[in-house]
Amino acid sequence: MAQNIGWELYRTFLAVLDEGSLSGAACALGITQPTAGRHI
């Protein structure tokens, strides 16, 4: 069963790698930290 992963999940993952933390990624993307955590 293949499941399509939305672009926003990849975007969040890459932002965490770039920023070094969930909170930094959330701030950079304009989303909340819990949302970033759910995306990861």
Protein backbone atom coordinates (compact mmCIF):
# COMPACT_ATOMS: atom_id res chain seq x y z
CA MET A 1 0.00 0.00 0.00
CA ALA A 2 1.60 3.19 -1.17
CA GLN A 3 0.59 6.39 0.59
CA ASN A 4 1.23 9.82 -0.87
CA ILE A 5 3.06 12.11 1.50
CA GLY A 6 2.11 15.76 1.24
CA TRP A 7 4.72 18.36 0.33
CA GLU A 8 4.19 20.18 3.65
CA LEU A 9 5.57 17.15 5.52
CA TYR A 10 8.77 17.19 3.47
CA ARG A 11 8.98 20.95 3.88
CA THR A 12 8.72 20.63 7.67
CA PHE A 13 11.31 17.84 7.78
CA LEU A 14 13.78 19.88 5.74
CA ALA A 15 13.16 22.94 7.90
CA VAL A 16 13.98 20.92 11.04
CA LEU A 17 17.23 19.79 9.45
CA ASP A 18 18.05 23.35 8.42
CA GLU A 19 17.06 25.04 11.70
CA GLY A 20 18.25 22.28 14.03
CA SER A 21 15.08 22.08 16.13
CA LEU A 22 11.33 21.68 15.91
CA SER A 23 10.74 25.08 17.44
CA GLY A 24 13.11 26.78 15.02
CA ALA A 25 11.49 25.04 12.06
CA ALA A 26 8.02 25.94 13.28
CA CYS A 27 9.00 29.59 13.63
CA ALA A 28 10.59 29.63 10.16
CA LEU A 29 7.52 28.04 8.59
CA GLY A 30 4.96 30.05 10.53
CA ILE A 31 3.37 26.99 12.14
CA THR A 32 3.13 25.85 15.75
CA GLN A 33 5.66 23.51 17.33
CA PRO A 34 3.04 20.77 17.96
CA THR A 35 2.10 20.90 14.27
CA ALA A 36 5.75 20.55 13.27
CA GLY A 37 6.04 17.57 15.61
CA ARG A 38 3.01 15.91 14.04
CA HIS A 39 4.50 16.42 10.59
CA ILE A 40 7.68 14.66 11.68
